[in-house]
Amino acid sequence: MIKYNPKIWFAQIFKITKGDTLRVLLPELIILAILTGGLTWLELTYLQDHGIMKDAIAVYSFIGFVLSLLLVFRTNTAYDRWWEGRKKWGLLVNDSRSLALKISTSSASNEDKNFFSKTIANYVYTLKWHLRYEKDKKEVDMTEEELKAFMAASHKPSYLSQLMYTRLQTLLKSNKITEAEYFTIDTNLNNFSNITGACERIRNTPMPYSYSLFLKKFIFIYVTTLPLGFVSTFGYGTILIACFIFYVLVSIELLAEEIEDPFGNDDNDLPLDELCAKIKDNVEGILTTETSEAAQS
């Protein structure tokens, strides 16, 4: 995720990032300019005197208004998905801290506290990989035997939740935590599963294909036929107008496609690496500090 100062906006006008839509759309803009130039020449040479498209600019203005409404809906839907993903990971940060605090104040042994410190951190990193379809497991803290069982699990976040529930049951049976403590901790662990399910829903449910396909076709037809309505007024200046309108409309669509899946590695996706590192540091800080104080006493 790109971090920036929203108050310094003028310098950002001239900044071109790796994923800037101008860079991405440059080949299409060149093709469109050639196509628009050909249509403009054809209309100015053979159709202008016939007045066939004399009043077409009014039609294109109305169509542009309809298209803008579709793009507003598209952008709002994509941003809602991005913001919901951010809220879910914010809840994961809070639940991780809360779970660590509850474990730290319980009668659990140092071994148990170290287990939860390690497993909570492993869970958030595993969820990140799960959402990104990644297979690199360098960031997990496991022995070779634990890693083998972990890799054999079909749904790895649920496997880690199961390990924490199993350890929690052991603590309850050995009277290291009360039933009341068990149920309060269970709330946080249950939220882990709810957050995972919500993130999977966002990732696995993109914009319906028919809607996305229709919008792309609508933009393409609208832009490529612009010379029919604008040549009589702007002449060859229609080439610049068509390219500019194409750049604006398609850029909005590209940005919506990028943020509707907020868990990837694109420039505007959520900073999952930073969030995972933050959770790990917070949990280790809570439980390691508690363990050190208990050892000193």
C-alpha atoms as a PDB file:
ATOM      1  CA  MET A   1       0.000   0.000   0.000  1.00  0.00           C
ATOM      2  CA  ILE A   2       1.362   3.412  -0.980  1.00  0.00           C
ATOM      3  CA  LYS A   3       1.662   5.878   1.898  1.00  0.00           C
ATOM      4  CA  TYR A   4       1.433   9.552   1.030  1.00  0.00           C
ATOM      5  CA  ASN A   5       0.604  12.966   2.421  1.00  0.00           C
ATOM      6  CA  PRO A   6      -2.871  13.928   1.104  1.00  0.00           C
ATOM      7  CA  LYS A   7      -2.205  17.609   1.844  1.00  0.00           C
ATOM      8  CA  ILE A   8       0.632  17.812  -0.683  1.00  0.00           C
ATOM      9  CA  TRP A   9      -1.415  17.177  -3.799  1.00  0.00           C
ATOM     10  CA  PHE A  10       0.267  19.313  -6.471  1.00  0.00           C
ATOM     11  CA  ALA A  11       3.480  17.238  -6.555  1.00  0.00           C
ATOM     12  CA  GLN A  12       1.427  14.066  -6.910  1.00  0.00           C
ATOM     13  CA  ILE A  13       0.015  15.265 -10.241  1.00  0.00           C
ATOM     14  CA  PHE A  14       3.378  14.683 -11.936  1.00  0.00           C
ATOM     15  CA  LYS A  15       4.235  11.469 -10.092  1.00  0.00           C
ATOM     16  CA  ILE A  16       3.935   8.259 -12.107  1.00  0.00           C
ATOM     17  CA  THR A  17       4.003   5.077 -10.036  1.00  0.00           C
ATOM     18  CA  LYS A  18       4.591   1.533 -11.226  1.00  0.00           C
ATOM     19  CA  GLY A  19       0.847   0.847 -11.373  1.00  0.00           C
ATOM     20  CA  ASP A  20      -0.172   4.243 -12.756  1.00  0.00           C
ATOM     21  CA  THR A  21      -3.048   3.855 -15.190  1.00  0.00           C
ATOM     22  CA  LEU A  22      -1.365   6.130 -17.775  1.00  0.00           C
ATOM     23  CA  ARG A  23       1.541   3.704 -17.989  1.00  0.00           C
ATOM     24  CA  VAL A  24      -0.821   0.715 -18.183  1.00  0.00           C
ATOM     25  CA  LEU A  25      -3.125   2.227 -20.806  1.00  0.00           C
ATOM     26  CA  LEU A  26      -0.487   3.805 -23.055  1.00  0.00           C
ATOM     27  CA  PRO A  27      -0.628   1.076 -25.780  1.00  0.00           C
ATOM     28  CA  GLU A  28      -4.440   1.226 -25.825  1.00  0.00           C
ATOM     29  CA  LEU A  29      -4.365   5.026 -26.017  1.00  0.00           C
ATOM     30  CA  ILE A  30      -2.102   4.880 -29.070  1.00  0.00           C
ATOM     31  CA  ILE A  31      -4.378   2.360 -30.807  1.00  0.00           C
ATOM     32  CA  LEU A  32      -7.435   4.445 -29.944  1.00  0.00           C
ATOM     33  CA  ALA A  33      -5.795   7.599 -31.308  1.00  0.00           C
ATOM     34  CA  ILE A  34      -5.123   5.846 -34.628  1.00  0.00           C
ATOM     35  CA  LEU A  35      -8.664   4.451 -34.785  1.00  0.00           C
ATOM     36  CA  THR A  36     -10.231   7.785 -33.871  1.00  0.00           C
ATOM     37  CA  GLY A  37      -8.063   9.578 -36.416  1.00  0.00           C
ATOM     38  CA  GLY A  38      -9.269   7.223 -39.146  1.00  0.00           C
ATOM     39  CA  LEU A  39     -12.933   7.682 -38.221  1.00  0.00           C
ATOM     40  CA  THR A  40     -12.471  11.445 -38.019  1.00  0.00           C
ATOM     41  CA  TRP A  41     -10.905  11.588 -41.477  1.00  0.00           C
ATOM     42  CA  LEU A  42     -13.670   9.382 -42.860  1.00  0.00           C
ATOM     43  CA  GLU A  43     -16.412  11.568 -41.457  1.00  0.00           C
ATOM     44  CA  LEU A  44     -14.793  14.861 -42.470  1.00  0.00           C
ATOM     45  CA  THR A  45     -14.129  13.561 -45.976  1.00  0.00           C
ATOM     46  CA  TYR A  46     -17.318  11.690 -46.860  1.00  0.00           C
ATOM     47  CA  LEU A  47     -20.058  12.231 -44.261  1.00  0.00           C
ATOM     48  CA  GLN A  48     -19.848  15.846 -43.150  1.00  0.00           C
ATOM     49  CA  ASP A  49     -21.863  17.278 -46.020  1.00  0.00           C
ATOM     50  CA  HIS A  50     -24.690  14.793 -45.470  1.00  0.00           C
ATOM     51  CA  GLY A  51     -25.434  15.934 -41.900  1.00  0.00           C
ATOM     52  CA  ILE A  52     -26.033  12.360 -40.794  1.00  0.00           C
ATOM     53  CA  MET A  53     -24.566  12.808 -37.281  1.00  0.00           C
ATOM     54  CA  LYS A  54     -25.270  16.511 -36.881  1.00  0.00           C
ATOM     55  CA  ASP A  55     -27.175  16.231 -33.580  1.00  0.00           C
ATOM     56  CA  ALA A  56     -25.392  13.147 -32.242  1.00  0.00           C
ATOM     57  CA  ILE A  57     -23.524  15.161 -29.582  1.00  0.00           C
ATOM     58  CA  ALA A  58     -26.743  15.430 -27.539  1.00  0.00           C
ATOM     59  CA  VAL A  59     -27.152  11.653 -27.633  1.00  0.00           C
ATOM     60  CA  TYR A  60     -23.565  11.120 -26.507  1.00  0.00           C
ATOM     61  CA  SER A  61     -24.041  13.560 -23.636  1.00  0.00           C
ATOM     62  CA  PHE A  62     -26.988  11.516 -22.364  1.00  0.00           C
ATOM     63  CA  ILE A  63     -25.113   8.225 -22.806  1.00  0.00           C
ATOM     64  CA  GLY A  64     -22.136   9.699 -20.947  1.00  0.00           C
ATOM     65  CA  PHE A  65     -24.400  10.552 -18.018  1.00  0.00           C
ATOM     66  CA  VAL A  66     -25.685   6.961 -17.859  1.00  0.00           C
ATOM     67  CA  LEU A  67     -22.144   5.628 -18.071  1.00  0.00           C
ATOM     68  CA  SER A  68     -21.025   7.871 -15.231  1.00  0.00           C
ATOM     69  CA  LEU A  69     -23.755   6.431 -12.994  1.00  0.00           C
ATOM     70  CA  LEU A  70     -22.583   2.896 -13.764  1.00  0.00           C
ATOM     71  CA  LEU A  71     -18.988   3.827 -12.945  1.00  0.00           C
ATOM     72  CA  VAL A  72     -20.025   5.453  -9.656  1.00  0.00           C
ATOM     73  CA  PHE A  73     -21.757   2.237  -8.644  1.00  0.00           C
ATOM     74  CA  ARG A  74     -18.722   0.228  -9.757  1.00  0.00           C
ATOM     75  CA  THR A  75     -16.296   2.372  -7.765  1.00  0.00           C
ATOM     76  CA  ASN A  76     -18.427   2.447  -4.628  1.00  0.00           C
ATOM     77  CA  THR A  77     -18.860  -1.333  -4.696  1.00  0.00           C
ATOM     78  CA  ALA A  78     -15.112  -1.889  -5.061  1.00  0.00           C
ATOM     79  CA  TYR A  79     -14.270   0.566  -2.286  1.00  0.00           C
ATOM     80  CA  ASP A  80     -16.806  -1.070   0.042  1.00  0.00           C
ATOM     81  CA  ARG A  81     -14.963  -4.367  -0.428  1.00  0.00           C
ATOM     82  CA  TRP A  82     -11.597  -2.681   0.233  1.00  0.00           C
ATOM     83  CA  TRP A  83     -12.877  -0.940   3.362  1.00  0.00           C
ATOM     84  CA  GLU A  84     -14.568  -4.072   4.686  1.00  0.00           C
ATOM     85  CA  GLY A  85     -11.293  -5.965   4.291  1.00  0.00           C
ATOM     86  CA  ARG A  86      -9.504  -3.220   6.224  1.00  0.00           C
ATOM     87  CA  LYS A  87     -12.070  -3.365   9.015  1.00  0.00           C
ATOM     88  CA  LYS A  88     -11.739  -7.140   9.288  1.00  0.00           C
ATOM     89  CA  TRP A  89      -7.976  -6.922   9.629  1.00  0.00           C
ATOM     90  CA  GLY A  90      -8.421  -4.146  12.181  1.00  0.00           C
ATOM     91  CA  LEU A  91     -10.616  -6.513  14.179  1.00  0.00           C
ATOM     92  CA  LEU A  92      -7.941  -9.186  13.847  1.00  0.00           C
ATOM     93  CA  VAL A  93      -5.392  -6.802  15.365  1.00  0.00           C
ATOM     94  CA  ASN A  94      -7.719  -6.047  18.281  1.00  0.00           C
ATOM     95  CA  ASP A  95      -8.719  -9.669  18.887  1.00  0.00           C
ATOM     96  CA  SER A  96      -5.092 -10.787  18.808  1.00  0.00           C
ATOM     97  CA  ARG A  97      -4.156  -8.239  21.462  1.00  0.00           C
ATOM     98  CA  SER A  98      -7.203  -9.099  23.547  1.00  0.00           C
ATOM     99  CA  LEU A  99      -6.472 -12.810  23.357  1.00  0.00           C
ATOM    100  CA  ALA A 100      -2.849 -12.246  24.359  1.00  0.00           C
ATOM    101  CA  LEU A 101      -3.885 -10.082  27.313  1.00  0.00           C
ATOM    102  CA  LYS A 102      -6.347 -12.705  28.568  1.00  0.00           C
ATOM    103  CA  ILE A 103      -3.758 -15.464  28.320  1.00  0.00           C
ATOM    104  CA  SER A 104      -1.127 -13.312  30.024  1.00  0.00           C
ATOM    105  CA  THR A 105      -3.343 -12.654  33.059  1.00  0.00           C
ATOM    106  CA  SER A 106      -4.397 -16.287  33.441  1.00  0.00           C
ATOM    107  CA  SER A 107      -2.648 -19.000  35.467  1.00  0.00           C
ATOM    108  CA  ALA A 108      -1.259 -20.597  32.313  1.00  0.00           C
ATOM    109  CA  SER A 109       2.350 -21.712  32.433  1.00  0.00           C
ATOM    110  CA  ASN A 110       5.166 -19.996  30.569  1.00  0.00           C
ATOM    111  CA  GLU A 111       5.107 -22.849  28.081  1.00  0.00           C
ATOM    112  CA  ASP A 112       1.417 -22.245  27.392  1.00  0.00           C
ATOM    113  CA  LYS A 113       1.964 -18.510  26.988  1.00  0.00           C
ATOM    114  CA  ASN A 114       4.831 -19.090  24.582  1.00  0.00           C
ATOM    115  CA  PHE A 115       2.612 -21.483  22.624  1.00  0.00           C
ATOM    116  CA  PHE A 116      -0.141 -18.887  22.200  1.00  0.00           C
ATOM    117  CA  SER A 117       2.369 -16.154  21.378  1.00  0.00           C
ATOM    118  CA  LYS A 118       3.825 -18.269  18.593  1.00  0.00           C
ATOM    119  CA  THR A 119       0.522 -19.671  17.296  1.00  0.00           C
ATOM    120  CA  ILE A 120      -1.305 -16.316  17.134  1.00  0.00           C
ATOM    121  CA  ALA A 121       1.544 -14.880  15.053  1.00  0.00           C
ATOM    122  CA  ASN A 122       1.554 -17.977  12.864  1.00  0.00           C
ATOM    123  CA  TYR A 123      -2.209 -17.619  12.370  1.00  0.00           C
ATOM    124  CA  VAL A 124      -2.108 -14.075  10.984  1.00  0.00           C
ATOM    125  CA  TYR A 125       0.783 -14.869   8.632  1.00  0.00           C
ATOM    126  CA  THR A 126      -1.024 -18.003   7.485  1.00  0.00           C
ATOM    127  CA  LEU A 127      -4.188 -16.010   6.809  1.00  0.00           C
ATOM    128  CA  LYS A 128      -2.172 -13.564   4.707  1.00  0.00           C
ATOM    129  CA  TRP A 129      -0.709 -16.395   2.614  1.00  0.00           C
ATOM    130  CA  HIS A 130      -4.114 -18.062   2.391  1.00  0.00           C
ATOM    131  CA  LEU A 131      -5.709 -14.913   0.962  1.00  0.00           C
ATOM    132  CA  ARG A 132      -2.848 -14.349  -1.485  1.00  0.00           C
ATOM    133  CA  TYR A 133      -2.557 -17.980  -2.634  1.00  0.00           C
ATOM    134  CA  GLU A 134       1.075 -17.907  -1.569  1.00  0.00           C
ATOM    135  CA  LYS A 135       3.075 -20.997  -0.616  1.00  0.00           C
ATOM    136  CA  ASP A 136       6.191 -19.512   1.000  1.00  0.00           C
ATOM    137  CA  LYS A 137       6.097 -20.356   4.725  1.00  0.00           C
ATOM    138  CA  LYS A 138       9.371 -18.771   5.869  1.00  0.00           C
ATOM    139  CA  GLU A 139       7.696 -16.507   8.425  1.00  0.00           C
ATOM    140  CA  VAL A 140       6.054 -19.240  10.514  1.00  0.00           C
ATOM    141  CA  ASP A 141       7.752 -20.290  13.732  1.00  0.00           C
ATOM    142  CA  MET A 142       7.469 -24.095  13.740  1.00  0.00           C
ATOM    143  CA  THR A 143       9.598 -27.145  14.205  1.00  0.00           C
ATOM    144  CA  GLU A 144      10.032 -29.515  11.294  1.00  0.00           C
ATOM    145  CA  GLU A 145       7.461 -31.912  12.738  1.00  0.00           C
ATOM    146  CA  GLU A 146       4.950 -29.124  13.336  1.00  0.00           C
ATOM    147  CA  LEU A 147       5.542 -27.740   9.843  1.00  0.00           C
ATOM    148  CA  LYS A 148       4.910 -31.147   8.295  1.00  0.00           C
ATOM    149  CA  ALA A 149       1.519 -31.448  10.007  1.00  0.00           C
ATOM    150  CA  PHE A 150       0.759 -27.826   9.149  1.00  0.00           C
ATOM    151  CA  MET A 151       1.473 -28.334   5.457  1.00  0.00           C
ATOM    152  CA  ALA A 152      -0.708 -31.440   5.375  1.00  0.00           C
ATOM    153  CA  ALA A 153      -3.764 -29.489   6.592  1.00  0.00           C
ATOM    154  CA  SER A 154      -6.323 -28.644   3.906  1.00  0.00           C
ATOM    155  CA  HIS A 155      -7.365 -25.354   5.535  1.00  0.00           C
ATOM    156  CA  LYS A 156      -4.351 -24.053   7.405  1.00  0.00           C
ATOM    157  CA  PRO A 157      -5.965 -21.180   9.384  1.00  0.00           C
ATOM    158  CA  SER A 158      -8.560 -23.616  10.768  1.00  0.00           C
ATOM    159  CA  TYR A 159      -5.777 -26.049  11.658  1.00  0.00           C
ATOM    160  CA  LEU A 160      -4.063 -23.404  13.797  1.00  0.00           C
ATOM    161  CA  SER A 161      -7.386 -22.487  15.414  1.00  0.00           C
ATOM    162  CA  GLN A 162      -7.855 -26.144  16.270  1.00  0.00           C
ATOM    163  CA  LEU A 163      -4.440 -26.236  17.948  1.00  0.00           C
ATOM    164  CA  MET A 164      -5.314 -23.206  20.084  1.00  0.00           C
ATOM    165  CA  TYR A 165      -8.700 -24.691  21.039  1.00  0.00           C
ATOM    166  CA  THR A 166      -7.019 -27.957  21.987  1.00  0.00           C
ATOM    167  CA  ARG A 167      -4.536 -26.144  24.237  1.00  0.00           C
ATOM    168  CA  LEU A 168      -7.378 -24.089  25.698  1.00  0.00           C
ATOM    169  CA  GLN A 169      -9.296 -27.253  26.583  1.00  0.00           C
ATOM    170  CA  THR A 170      -6.183 -28.599  28.296  1.00  0.00           C
ATOM    171  CA  LEU A 171      -5.893 -25.423  30.360  1.00  0.00           C
ATOM    172  CA  LEU A 172      -9.543 -25.710  31.384  1.00  0.00           C
ATOM    173  CA  LYS A 173      -9.276 -29.361  32.416  1.00  0.00           C
ATOM    174  CA  SER A 174      -6.129 -28.681  34.440  1.00  0.00           C
ATOM    175  CA  ASN A 175      -7.897 -25.774  36.217  1.00  0.00           C
ATOM    176  CA  LYS A 176      -5.377 -23.212  34.945  1.00  0.00           C
ATOM    177  CA  ILE A 177      -8.281 -21.154  33.631  1.00  0.00           C
ATOM    178  CA  THR A 178     -11.881 -20.945  34.824  1.00  0.00           C
ATOM    179  CA  GLU A 179     -14.941 -21.574  32.689  1.00  0.00           C
ATOM    180  CA  ALA A 180     -15.601 -17.836  32.608  1.00  0.00           C
ATOM    181  CA  GLU A 181     -12.074 -17.221  31.279  1.00  0.00           C
ATOM    182  CA  TYR A 182     -12.542 -20.015  28.777  1.00  0.00           C
ATOM    183  CA  PHE A 183     -15.674 -18.422  27.305  1.00  0.00           C
ATOM    184  CA  THR A 184     -14.115 -14.955  27.095  1.00  0.00           C
ATOM    185  CA  ILE A 185     -11.079 -16.394  25.281  1.00  0.00           C
ATOM    186  CA  ASP A 186     -13.404 -18.436  23.087  1.00  0.00           C
ATOM    187  CA  THR A 187     -14.984 -15.184  21.883  1.00  0.00           C
ATOM    188  CA  ASN A 188     -11.650 -14.018  20.452  1.00  0.00           C
ATOM    189  CA  LEU A 189     -10.840 -17.365  18.871  1.00  0.00           C
ATOM    190  CA  ASN A 190     -14.289 -17.521  17.315  1.00  0.00           C
ATOM    191  CA  ASN A 191     -13.728 -14.038  15.887  1.00  0.00           C
ATOM    192  CA  PHE A 192     -10.569 -15.356  14.212  1.00  0.00           C
ATOM    193  CA  SER A 193     -12.689 -17.818  12.244  1.00  0.00           C
ATOM    194  CA  ASN A 194     -15.345 -15.193  11.464  1.00  0.00           C
ATOM    195  CA  ILE A 195     -12.719 -12.773  10.150  1.00  0.00           C
ATOM    196  CA  THR A 196     -11.160 -15.499   8.009  1.00  0.00           C
ATOM    197  CA  GLY A 197     -14.548 -16.402   6.541  1.00  0.00           C
ATOM    198  CA  ALA A 198     -15.362 -12.758   5.777  1.00  0.00           C
ATOM    199  CA  CYS A 199     -12.002 -12.235   4.035  1.00  0.00           C
ATOM    200  CA  GLU A 200     -12.505 -15.404   1.994  1.00  0.00           C
ATOM    201  CA  ARG A 201     -15.934 -14.130   0.948  1.00  0.00           C
ATOM    202  CA  ILE A 202     -14.428 -10.846  -0.259  1.00  0.00           C
ATOM    203  CA  ARG A 203     -11.651 -12.635  -2.146  1.00  0.00           C
ATOM    204  CA  ASN A 204     -13.825 -15.332  -3.716  1.00  0.00           C
ATOM    205  CA  THR A 205     -16.749 -13.125  -4.794  1.00  0.00           C
ATOM    206  CA  PRO A 206     -15.621 -10.661  -7.464  1.00  0.00           C
ATOM    207  CA  MET A 207     -17.886  -8.381  -9.435  1.00  0.00           C
ATOM    208  CA  PRO A 208     -20.334 -10.511 -11.466  1.00  0.00           C
ATOM    209  CA  TYR A 209     -18.784 -11.353 -14.824  1.00  0.00           C
ATOM    210  CA  SER A 210     -21.771 -10.183 -16.887  1.00  0.00           C
ATOM    211  CA  TYR A 211     -21.749  -6.759 -15.250  1.00  0.00           C
ATOM    212  CA  SER A 212     -17.990  -6.335 -15.697  1.00  0.00           C
ATOM    213  CA  LEU A 213     -18.153  -7.487 -19.321  1.00  0.00           C
ATOM    214  CA  PHE A 214     -21.052  -5.174 -20.145  1.00  0.00           C
ATOM    215  CA  LEU A 215     -19.312  -2.167 -18.594  1.00  0.00           C
ATOM    216  CA  LYS A 216     -16.116  -2.785 -20.572  1.00  0.00           C
ATOM    217  CA  LYS A 217     -18.062  -3.142 -23.830  1.00  0.00           C
ATOM    218  CA  PHE A 218     -20.106  -0.046 -23.028  1.00  0.00           C
ATOM    219  CA  ILE A 219     -16.958   2.046 -22.475  1.00  0.00           C
ATOM    220  CA  PHE A 220     -15.273   0.705 -25.619  1.00  0.00           C
ATOM    221  CA  ILE A 221     -18.249   1.341 -27.904  1.00  0.00           C
ATOM    222  CA  TYR A 222     -18.879   4.776 -26.398  1.00  0.00           C
ATOM    223  CA  VAL A 223     -15.293   5.956 -26.818  1.00  0.00           C
ATOM    224  CA  THR A 224     -14.611   4.483 -30.267  1.00  0.00           C
ATOM    225  CA  THR A 225     -17.757   6.022 -31.723  1.00  0.00           C
ATOM    226  CA  LEU A 226     -17.203   9.478 -30.223  1.00  0.00           C
ATOM    227  CA  PRO A 227     -15.991  10.927 -33.570  1.00  0.00           C
ATOM    228  CA  LEU A 228     -19.498  10.425 -34.947  1.00  0.00           C
ATOM    229  CA  GLY A 229     -20.834  13.005 -32.508  1.00  0.00           C
ATOM    230  CA  PHE A 230     -17.907  15.354 -31.924  1.00  0.00           C
ATOM    231  CA  VAL A 231     -16.180  15.761 -35.300  1.00  0.00           C
ATOM    232  CA  SER A 232     -18.655  18.349 -36.558  1.00  0.00           C
ATOM    233  CA  THR A 233     -17.748  20.579 -33.593  1.00  0.00           C
ATOM    234  CA  PHE A 234     -14.110  19.797 -32.784  1.00  0.00           C
ATOM    235  CA  GLY A 235     -12.702  18.397 -36.023  1.00  0.00           C
ATOM    236  CA  TYR A 236      -9.417  16.570 -35.527  1.00  0.00           C
ATOM    237  CA  GLY A 237      -9.420  17.759 -31.916  1.00  0.00           C
ATOM    238  CA  THR A 238     -11.820  14.848 -31.384  1.00  0.00           C
ATOM    239  CA  ILE A 239      -8.757  12.561 -31.267  1.00  0.00           C
ATOM    240  CA  LEU A 240      -7.504  14.241 -28.076  1.00  0.00           C
ATOM    241  CA  ILE A 241     -10.989  14.345 -26.581  1.00  0.00           C
ATOM    242  CA  ALA A 242     -11.595  10.653 -27.243  1.00  0.00           C
ATOM    243  CA  CYS A 243      -8.234   9.642 -25.769  1.00  0.00           C
ATOM    244  CA  PHE A 244      -8.794  11.755 -22.669  1.00  0.00           C
ATOM    245  CA  ILE A 245     -12.304  10.373 -22.086  1.00  0.00           C
ATOM    246  CA  PHE A 246     -11.016   6.824 -22.643  1.00  0.00           C
ATOM    247  CA  TYR A 247      -8.210   7.410 -20.129  1.00  0.00           C
ATOM    248  CA  VAL A 248     -10.593   8.719 -17.467  1.00  0.00           C
ATOM    249  CA  LEU A 249     -13.288   6.064 -17.859  1.00  0.00           C
ATOM    250  CA  VAL A 250     -10.990   3.060 -18.145  1.00  0.00           C
ATOM    251  CA  SER A 251      -8.763   4.306 -15.309  1.00  0.00           C
ATOM    252  CA  ILE A 252     -11.773   4.314 -13.002  1.00  0.00           C
ATOM    253  CA  GLU A 253     -12.570   0.763 -14.053  1.00  0.00           C
ATOM    254  CA  LEU A 254      -8.956  -0.374 -13.566  1.00  0.00           C
ATOM    255  CA  LEU A 255      -8.745   1.197 -10.117  1.00  0.00           C
ATOM    256  CA  ALA A 256     -12.014  -0.479  -9.127  1.00  0.00           C
ATOM    257  CA  GLU A 257     -10.672  -3.850 -10.308  1.00  0.00           C
ATOM    258  CA  GLU A 258      -7.514  -3.335  -8.267  1.00  0.00           C
ATOM    259  CA  ILE A 259      -9.137  -2.475  -4.940  1.00  0.00           C
ATOM    260  CA  GLU A 260     -12.025  -4.952  -5.129  1.00  0.00           C
ATOM    261  CA  ASP A 261      -9.509  -7.639  -4.077  1.00  0.00           C
ATOM    262  CA  PRO A 262      -7.694  -5.793  -1.254  1.00  0.00           C
ATOM    263  CA  PHE A 263      -5.487  -8.679  -0.122  1.00  0.00           C
ATOM    264  CA  GLY A 264      -3.016  -8.845  -3.022  1.00  0.00           C
ATOM    265  CA  ASN A 265       0.317  -7.130  -3.703  1.00  0.00           C
ATOM    266  CA  ASP A 266      -0.896  -4.215  -5.830  1.00  0.00           C
ATOM    267  CA  ASP A 267       0.051  -0.646  -4.941  1.00  0.00           C
ATOM    268  CA  ASN A 268      -3.342   0.153  -3.419  1.00  0.00           C
ATOM    269  CA  ASP A 269      -3.955  -3.148  -1.622  1.00  0.00           C
ATOM    270  CA  LEU A 270      -3.987  -3.457   2.156  1.00  0.00           C
ATOM    271  CA  PRO A 271      -0.601  -3.470   3.969  1.00  0.00           C
ATOM    272  CA  LEU A 272      -0.980  -7.041   5.224  1.00  0.00           C
ATOM    273  CA  ASP A 273       2.771  -7.486   5.752  1.00  0.00           C
ATOM    274  CA  GLU A 274       2.853  -4.510   8.114  1.00  0.00           C
ATOM    275  CA  LEU A 275      -0.307  -5.613   9.928  1.00  0.00           C
ATOM    276  CA  CYS A 276       1.085  -9.131  10.453  1.00  0.00           C
ATOM    277  CA  ALA A 277       4.362  -7.731  11.803  1.00  0.00           C
ATOM    278  CA  LYS A 278       2.433  -5.394  14.109  1.00  0.00           C
ATOM    279  CA  ILE A 279       0.304  -8.224  15.500  1.00  0.00           C
ATOM    280  CA  LYS A 280       3.364 -10.411  16.054  1.00  0.00           C
ATOM    281  CA  ASP A 281       5.219  -7.634  17.892  1.00  0.00           C
ATOM    282  CA  ASN A 282       2.200  -6.769  20.039  1.00  0.00           C
ATOM    283  CA  VAL A 283       1.464 -10.365  21.024  1.00  0.00           C
ATOM    284  CA  GLU A 284       5.097 -11.182  21.746  1.00  0.00           C
ATOM    285  CA  GLY A 285       5.424  -7.973  23.735  1.00  0.00           C
ATOM    286  CA  ILE A 286       2.430  -8.835  25.910  1.00  0.00           C
ATOM    287  CA  LEU A 287       3.138 -12.502  26.510  1.00  0.00           C
ATOM    288  CA  THR A 288       6.953 -12.327  26.579  1.00  0.00           C
ATOM    289  CA  THR A 289       6.891  -9.485  29.085  1.00  0.00           C
ATOM    290  CA  GLU A 290       4.455 -11.411  31.255  1.00  0.00           C
ATOM    291  CA  THR A 291       6.603 -14.529  31.023  1.00  0.00           C
ATOM    292  CA  SER A 292       9.767 -12.624  31.941  1.00  0.00           C
ATOM    293  CA  GLU A 293       8.096 -10.986  34.958  1.00  0.00           C
ATOM    294  CA  ALA A 294       6.786 -14.349  36.154  1.00  0.00           C
ATOM    295  CA  ALA A 295      10.261 -15.881  35.842  1.00  0.00           C
ATOM    296  CA  GLN A 296      11.854 -13.032  37.833  1.00  0.00           C
ATOM    297  CA  SER A 297       9.290 -13.293  40.612  1.00  0.00           C
END
